[in-house]
Amino acid sequence: MALARLPSSAGGGRGELAELGVPVVRLDGACSVVFLAGEADVSTRPALCEVLCRVIALRCGDVVIDLSRSTFIDSAIVRALAAAHELLDGEGRRLTFRSPSMPAVRVLDVFGLTGLIETPQQATP
């Protein structure tokens, strides 16, 4: 699957591609925001990994994973996100989660990643 990059002005980064389960990336100031929508599971993991690899390779600051439109994430997705967190941390960059649902929070908690959930003060406009 292809990486879809939208400009900062493109409707919050939630285009039709995000609705189809394709991760969408929006550059937002000094960070990249990856939008996940719908069900994110083992079948969508390859597309997510491709997007995360490209975003990490761009070295464009921190990475925010927006989960506000995600209805489900499984352990395969969280393992990919945890690996991205480790890679970014090794580069002195941060990975955070924005607006996860309660089921997503529970899965993130199993992996010890709830400390990466943005607080309202951290969220970028």
N, C-alpha and C. Protein backbone atom coordinates (compact mmCIF):
# COMPACT_ATOMS: atom_id res chain seq x y z
N MET A 1 0.83 -1.18 0.00
CA MET A 1 0.00 0.00 0.00
C MET A 1 0.87 1.24 0.00
N ALA A 2 0.35 2.29 -0.53
CA ALA A 2 1.12 3.52 -0.66
C ALA A 2 0.97 4.41 0.55
N LEU A 3 1.96 5.20 0.78
CA LEU A 3 1.92 6.21 1.83
C LEU A 3 1.17 7.41 1.29
N ALA A 4 0.15 7.81 1.97
CA ALA A 4 -0.62 8.98 1.56
C ALA A 4 -0.21 10.13 2.47
N ARG A 5 0.38 11.16 1.92
CA ARG A 5 0.79 12.30 2.72
C ARG A 5 -0.08 13.47 2.32
N LEU A 6 -0.71 14.07 3.31
CA LEU A 6 -1.57 15.21 3.07
C LEU A 6 -0.93 16.46 3.64
N PRO A 7 -1.14 17.60 3.01
CA PRO A 7 -0.62 18.84 3.56
C PRO A 7 -1.33 19.17 4.86
N SER A 8 -0.71 20.02 5.67
CA SER A 8 -1.28 20.40 6.96
C SER A 8 -2.68 20.95 6.85
N SER A 9 -3.01 21.58 5.75
CA SER A 9 -4.32 22.21 5.59
C SER A 9 -5.41 21.25 5.12
N ALA A 10 -5.08 20.01 4.88
CA ALA A 10 -6.04 19.08 4.28
C ALA A 10 -6.98 18.49 5.32
N GLY A 11 -8.01 19.20 5.65
CA GLY A 11 -9.11 18.70 6.46
C GLY A 11 -8.75 17.85 7.65
N GLY A 12 -7.73 18.21 8.40
CA GLY A 12 -7.38 17.45 9.57
C GLY A 12 -6.70 16.12 9.26
N GLY A 13 -6.42 15.84 8.01
CA GLY A 13 -5.72 14.62 7.65
C GLY A 13 -6.59 13.39 7.61
N ARG A 14 -7.89 13.57 7.62
CA ARG A 14 -8.78 12.41 7.69
C ARG A 14 -9.54 12.26 6.38
N GLY A 15 -8.81 11.98 5.33
CA GLY A 15 -9.42 11.86 4.01
C GLY A 15 -10.03 10.50 3.80
N GLU A 16 -10.47 10.27 2.58
CA GLU A 16 -11.11 9.00 2.24
C GLU A 16 -10.19 7.82 2.45
N LEU A 17 -8.88 7.99 2.24
CA LEU A 17 -7.97 6.87 2.41
C LEU A 17 -7.99 6.37 3.84
N ALA A 18 -8.04 7.27 4.81
CA ALA A 18 -8.08 6.85 6.21
C ALA A 18 -9.34 6.04 6.47
N GLU A 19 -10.42 6.40 5.81
CA GLU A 19 -11.67 5.66 6.00
C GLU A 19 -11.57 4.24 5.45
N LEU A 20 -10.68 4.02 4.50
CA LEU A 20 -10.53 2.70 3.91
C LEU A 20 -9.52 1.84 4.66
N GLY A 21 -9.01 2.32 5.78
CA GLY A 21 -8.05 1.55 6.56
C GLY A 21 -6.61 1.76 6.15
N VAL A 22 -6.34 2.66 5.21
CA VAL A 22 -4.99 2.98 4.82
C VAL A 22 -4.47 4.06 5.74
N PRO A 23 -3.34 3.84 6.41
CA PRO A 23 -2.79 4.90 7.26
C PRO A 23 -2.50 6.15 6.44
N VAL A 24 -2.88 7.29 6.96
CA VAL A 24 -2.66 8.57 6.30
C VAL A 24 -1.72 9.39 7.16
N VAL A 25 -0.78 10.08 6.52
CA VAL A 25 0.20 10.89 7.23
C VAL A 25 0.00 12.35 6.88
N ARG A 26 0.04 13.18 7.91
CA ARG A 26 -0.01 14.63 7.71
C ARG A 26 1.17 15.23 8.45
N LEU A 27 1.95 16.05 7.77
CA LEU A 27 3.02 16.77 8.43
C LEU A 27 2.39 17.96 9.14
N ASP A 28 2.65 18.06 10.42
CA ASP A 28 2.02 19.08 11.26
C ASP A 28 3.10 19.78 12.06
N GLY A 29 3.63 20.85 11.50
CA GLY A 29 4.72 21.56 12.17
C GLY A 29 5.96 20.68 12.23
N ALA A 30 6.42 20.43 13.45
CA ALA A 30 7.64 19.66 13.65
C ALA A 30 7.37 18.18 13.86
N CYS A 31 6.16 17.71 13.59
CA CYS A 31 5.89 16.30 13.77
C CYS A 31 5.07 15.75 12.60
N SER A 32 5.06 14.43 12.53
CA SER A 32 4.25 13.72 11.54
C SER A 32 3.10 13.06 12.29
N VAL A 33 1.89 13.21 11.78
CA VAL A 33 0.71 12.61 12.40
C VAL A 33 0.24 11.48 11.49
N VAL A 34 0.18 10.28 12.04
CA VAL A 34 -0.29 9.10 11.31
C VAL A 34 -1.71 8.82 11.80
N PHE A 35 -2.67 8.87 10.88
CA PHE A 35 -4.07 8.63 11.21
C PHE A 35 -4.43 7.19 10.91
N LEU A 36 -4.98 6.50 11.91
CA LEU A 36 -5.50 5.16 11.72
C LEU A 36 -7.01 5.22 11.89
N ALA A 37 -7.74 4.61 10.97
CA ALA A 37 -9.19 4.62 11.04
C ALA A 37 -9.72 3.21 10.85
N GLY A 38 -10.86 2.95 11.46
CA GLY A 38 -11.49 1.64 11.32
C GLY A 38 -10.74 0.59 12.11
N GLU A 39 -10.73 -0.63 11.58
CA GLU A 39 -10.09 -1.74 12.26
C GLU A 39 -8.64 -1.87 11.81
N ALA A 40 -7.75 -1.85 12.79
CA ALA A 40 -6.32 -2.03 12.52
C ALA A 40 -5.92 -3.36 13.15
N ASP A 41 -5.62 -4.32 12.29
CA ASP A 41 -5.30 -5.66 12.78
C ASP A 41 -4.16 -6.24 11.95
N VAL A 42 -3.93 -7.52 12.10
CA VAL A 42 -2.80 -8.17 11.43
C VAL A 42 -2.85 -7.97 9.92
N SER A 43 -4.03 -7.82 9.34
CA SER A 43 -4.12 -7.62 7.88
C SER A 43 -3.69 -6.22 7.45
N THR A 44 -3.77 -5.25 8.33
CA THR A 44 -3.35 -3.89 8.01
C THR A 44 -1.94 -3.58 8.52
N ARG A 45 -1.35 -4.52 9.24
CA ARG A 45 -0.02 -4.31 9.80
C ARG A 45 1.03 -3.99 8.72
N PRO A 46 1.08 -4.70 7.59
CA PRO A 46 2.11 -4.36 6.59
C PRO A 46 2.03 -2.91 6.11
N ALA A 47 0.82 -2.41 5.87
CA ALA A 47 0.67 -1.02 5.43
C ALA A 47 1.13 -0.06 6.52
N LEU A 48 0.77 -0.35 7.77
CA LEU A 48 1.19 0.51 8.87
C LEU A 48 2.71 0.49 9.01
N CYS A 49 3.31 -0.69 8.92
CA CYS A 49 4.76 -0.79 9.04
C CYS A 49 5.47 -0.01 7.94
N GLU A 50 4.94 -0.08 6.73
CA GLU A 50 5.52 0.68 5.62
C GLU A 50 5.47 2.18 5.90
N VAL A 51 4.33 2.64 6.36
CA VAL A 51 4.16 4.06 6.66
C VAL A 51 5.09 4.48 7.80
N LEU A 52 5.14 3.68 8.86
CA LEU A 52 6.00 4.02 9.99
C LEU A 52 7.47 4.05 9.59
N CYS A 53 7.89 3.09 8.77
CA CYS A 53 9.29 3.07 8.30
C CYS A 53 9.62 4.33 7.53
N ARG A 54 8.72 4.75 6.67
CA ARG A 54 8.97 5.96 5.87
C ARG A 54 8.98 7.21 6.75
N VAL A 55 8.06 7.28 7.68
CA VAL A 55 8.00 8.45 8.57
C VAL A 55 9.25 8.52 9.43
N ILE A 56 9.69 7.38 9.94
CA ILE A 56 10.91 7.36 10.76
C ILE A 56 12.12 7.73 9.92
N ALA A 57 12.20 7.22 8.70
CA ALA A 57 13.33 7.52 7.82
C ALA A 57 13.39 8.99 7.42
N LEU A 58 12.24 9.66 7.35
CA LEU A 58 12.22 11.08 6.98
C LEU A 58 12.89 11.96 8.02
N ARG A 59 12.96 11.46 9.25
CA ARG A 59 13.58 12.20 10.36
C ARG A 59 12.97 13.58 10.53
N CYS A 60 11.65 13.65 10.42
CA CYS A 60 10.91 14.91 10.55
C CYS A 60 10.29 15.04 11.94
N GLY A 61 11.09 15.02 12.96
CA GLY A 61 10.60 15.25 14.31
C GLY A 61 9.83 14.08 14.89
N ASP A 62 8.97 14.40 15.83
CA ASP A 62 8.21 13.40 16.56
C ASP A 62 7.08 12.83 15.70
N VAL A 63 6.50 11.72 16.17
CA VAL A 63 5.42 11.05 15.45
C VAL A 63 4.23 10.90 16.39
N VAL A 64 3.07 11.31 15.91
CA VAL A 64 1.82 11.17 16.65
C VAL A 64 0.96 10.15 15.90
N ILE A 65 0.44 9.17 16.65
CA ILE A 65 -0.48 8.20 16.08
C ILE A 65 -1.88 8.62 16.52
N ASP A 66 -2.69 9.09 15.58
CA ASP A 66 -4.04 9.54 15.89
C ASP A 66 -4.98 8.34 15.80
N LEU A 67 -5.57 7.99 16.93
CA LEU A 67 -6.46 6.83 17.01
C LEU A 67 -7.92 7.24 17.17
N SER A 68 -8.22 8.50 16.93
CA SER A 68 -9.58 9.00 17.17
C SER A 68 -10.63 8.33 16.30
N ARG A 69 -10.24 7.81 15.14
CA ARG A 69 -11.21 7.15 14.25
C ARG A 69 -10.96 5.66 14.15
N SER A 70 -10.13 5.15 15.03
CA SER A 70 -9.85 3.72 15.03
C SER A 70 -10.87 3.02 15.91
N THR A 71 -11.51 2.00 15.35
CA THR A 71 -12.54 1.27 16.11
C THR A 71 -11.96 0.03 16.79
N PHE A 72 -10.78 -0.43 16.34
CA PHE A 72 -10.19 -1.63 16.89
C PHE A 72 -8.71 -1.64 16.56
N ILE A 73 -7.88 -1.98 17.53
CA ILE A 73 -6.47 -2.26 17.26
C ILE A 73 -6.12 -3.57 17.96
N ASP A 74 -5.35 -4.41 17.29
CA ASP A 74 -4.98 -5.68 17.91
C ASP A 74 -3.51 -5.67 18.32
N SER A 75 -3.09 -6.77 18.89
CA SER A 75 -1.73 -6.84 19.42
C SER A 75 -0.66 -6.73 18.33
N ALA A 76 -0.96 -7.18 17.11
CA ALA A 76 0.02 -7.05 16.02
C ALA A 76 0.30 -5.59 15.72
N ILE A 77 -0.73 -4.77 15.74
CA ILE A 77 -0.57 -3.33 15.51
C ILE A 77 0.20 -2.70 16.65
N VAL A 78 -0.15 -3.06 17.88
CA VAL A 78 0.53 -2.46 19.03
C VAL A 78 2.00 -2.87 19.07
N ARG A 79 2.31 -4.09 18.66
CA ARG A 79 3.73 -4.50 18.60
C ARG A 79 4.48 -3.64 17.57
N ALA A 80 3.85 -3.35 16.43
CA ALA A 80 4.48 -2.49 15.42
C ALA A 80 4.68 -1.08 15.98
N LEU A 81 3.69 -0.58 16.69
CA LEU A 81 3.79 0.76 17.29
C LEU A 81 4.86 0.78 18.37
N ALA A 82 4.97 -0.29 19.16
CA ALA A 82 6.00 -0.36 20.20
C ALA A 82 7.40 -0.37 19.57
N ALA A 83 7.56 -1.09 18.47
CA ALA A 83 8.85 -1.11 17.77
C ALA A 83 9.19 0.27 17.23
N ALA A 84 8.20 0.97 16.69
CA ALA A 84 8.43 2.33 16.19
C ALA A 84 8.82 3.25 17.34
N HIS A 85 8.18 3.08 18.48
CA HIS A 85 8.52 3.88 19.66
C HIS A 85 9.99 3.67 20.04
N GLU A 86 10.43 2.43 20.05
CA GLU A 86 11.82 2.13 20.41
C GLU A 86 12.79 2.75 19.41
N LEU A 87 12.49 2.64 18.11
CA LEU A 87 13.36 3.24 17.10
C LEU A 87 13.44 4.76 17.25
N LEU A 88 12.28 5.38 17.43
CA LEU A 88 12.25 6.83 17.58
C LEU A 88 12.97 7.26 18.85
N ASP A 89 12.75 6.53 19.93
CA ASP A 89 13.40 6.86 21.20
C ASP A 89 14.92 6.81 21.06
N GLY A 90 15.40 5.84 20.30
CA GLY A 90 16.84 5.72 20.05
C GLY A 90 17.40 6.90 19.28
N GLU A 91 16.54 7.62 18.57
CA GLU A 91 16.95 8.81 17.80
C GLU A 91 16.67 10.10 18.55
N GLY A 92 16.18 9.98 19.79
CA GLY A 92 15.83 11.17 20.56
C GLY A 92 14.52 11.81 20.13
N ARG A 93 13.67 11.01 19.49
CA ARG A 93 12.36 11.49 19.02
C ARG A 93 11.27 10.78 19.82
N ARG A 94 10.07 11.33 19.80
CA ARG A 94 8.96 10.77 20.58
C ARG A 94 7.87 10.20 19.68
N LEU A 95 7.20 9.19 20.19
CA LEU A 95 5.99 8.68 19.58
C LEU A 95 4.91 8.84 20.65
N THR A 96 3.78 9.43 20.27
CA THR A 96 2.66 9.57 21.19
C THR A 96 1.37 9.11 20.50
N PHE A 97 0.38 8.83 21.34
CA PHE A 97 -0.94 8.41 20.84
C PHE A 97 -1.94 9.51 21.14
N ARG A 98 -2.78 9.82 20.16
CA ARG A 98 -3.80 10.85 20.31
C ARG A 98 -5.19 10.22 20.27
N SER A 99 -5.99 10.54 21.26
CA SER A 99 -7.43 10.21 21.30
C SER A 99 -7.76 8.73 21.13
N PRO A 100 -7.08 7.83 21.84
CA PRO A 100 -7.45 6.42 21.71
C PRO A 100 -8.78 6.12 22.41
N SER A 101 -9.53 5.19 21.87
CA SER A 101 -10.77 4.74 22.51
C SER A 101 -10.39 3.93 23.76
N MET A 102 -11.37 3.66 24.60
CA MET A 102 -11.10 2.86 25.80
C MET A 102 -10.60 1.46 25.45
N PRO A 103 -11.17 0.78 24.44
CA PRO A 103 -10.59 -0.53 24.08
C PRO A 103 -9.12 -0.40 23.63
N ALA A 104 -8.80 0.65 22.92
CA ALA A 104 -7.42 0.87 22.49
C ALA A 104 -6.52 1.12 23.70
N VAL A 105 -7.02 1.88 24.65
CA VAL A 105 -6.25 2.15 25.88
C VAL A 105 -5.94 0.84 26.60
N ARG A 106 -6.90 -0.06 26.64
CA ARG A 106 -6.69 -1.35 27.32
C ARG A 106 -5.59 -2.16 26.62
N VAL A 107 -5.59 -2.16 25.29
CA VAL A 107 -4.55 -2.89 24.56
C VAL A 107 -3.19 -2.21 24.76
N LEU A 108 -3.16 -0.89 24.70
CA LEU A 108 -1.91 -0.17 24.94
C LEU A 108 -1.39 -0.45 26.35
N ASP A 109 -2.29 -0.56 27.30
CA ASP A 109 -1.91 -0.83 28.69
C ASP A 109 -1.23 -2.19 28.83
N VAL A 110 -1.73 -3.19 28.11
CA VAL A 110 -1.12 -4.53 28.17
C VAL A 110 0.35 -4.46 27.76
N PHE A 111 0.66 -3.56 26.83
CA PHE A 111 2.03 -3.43 26.34
C PHE A 111 2.82 -2.33 27.07
N GLY A 112 2.23 -1.76 28.10
CA GLY A 112 2.92 -0.74 28.88
C GLY A 112 3.12 0.57 28.14
N LEU A 113 2.20 0.91 27.24
CA LEU A 113 2.37 2.10 26.40
C LEU A 113 1.41 3.24 26.74
N THR A 114 0.63 3.12 27.83
CA THR A 114 -0.33 4.18 28.14
C THR A 114 0.36 5.49 28.51
N GLY A 115 1.60 5.43 28.92
CA GLY A 115 2.34 6.65 29.22
C GLY A 115 2.63 7.50 27.99
N LEU A 116 2.37 6.94 26.80
CA LEU A 116 2.61 7.67 25.56
C LEU A 116 1.34 8.35 25.03
N ILE A 117 0.24 8.24 25.77
CA ILE A 117 -1.01 8.89 25.36
C ILE A 117 -0.91 10.38 25.65
N GLU A 118 -1.19 11.19 24.64
CA GLU A 118 -1.13 12.65 24.79
C GLU A 118 -2.16 13.13 25.81
N THR A 119 -1.77 14.12 26.56
CA THR A 119 -2.72 14.84 27.38
C THR A 119 -3.23 16.01 26.53
N PRO A 120 -4.37 16.61 26.88
CA PRO A 120 -4.87 17.72 26.07
C PRO A 120 -3.84 18.86 25.89
N GLN A 121 -2.99 19.08 26.87
CA GLN A 121 -1.98 20.14 26.76
C GLN A 121 -0.90 19.81 25.74
N GLN A 122 -0.66 18.52 25.49
CA GLN A 122 0.38 18.11 24.55
C GLN A 122 -0.10 18.10 23.11
N ALA A 123 -1.38 17.94 22.89
CA ALA A 123 -1.90 17.78 21.54
C ALA A 123 -1.58 19.00 20.70
N THR A 124 -1.18 18.71 19.45
CA THR A 124 -0.90 19.81 18.53
C THR A 124 -2.19 20.26 17.88
N PRO A 125 -2.30 21.53 17.53
CA PRO A 125 -3.55 22.03 16.92
C PRO A 125 -3.79 21.43 15.56
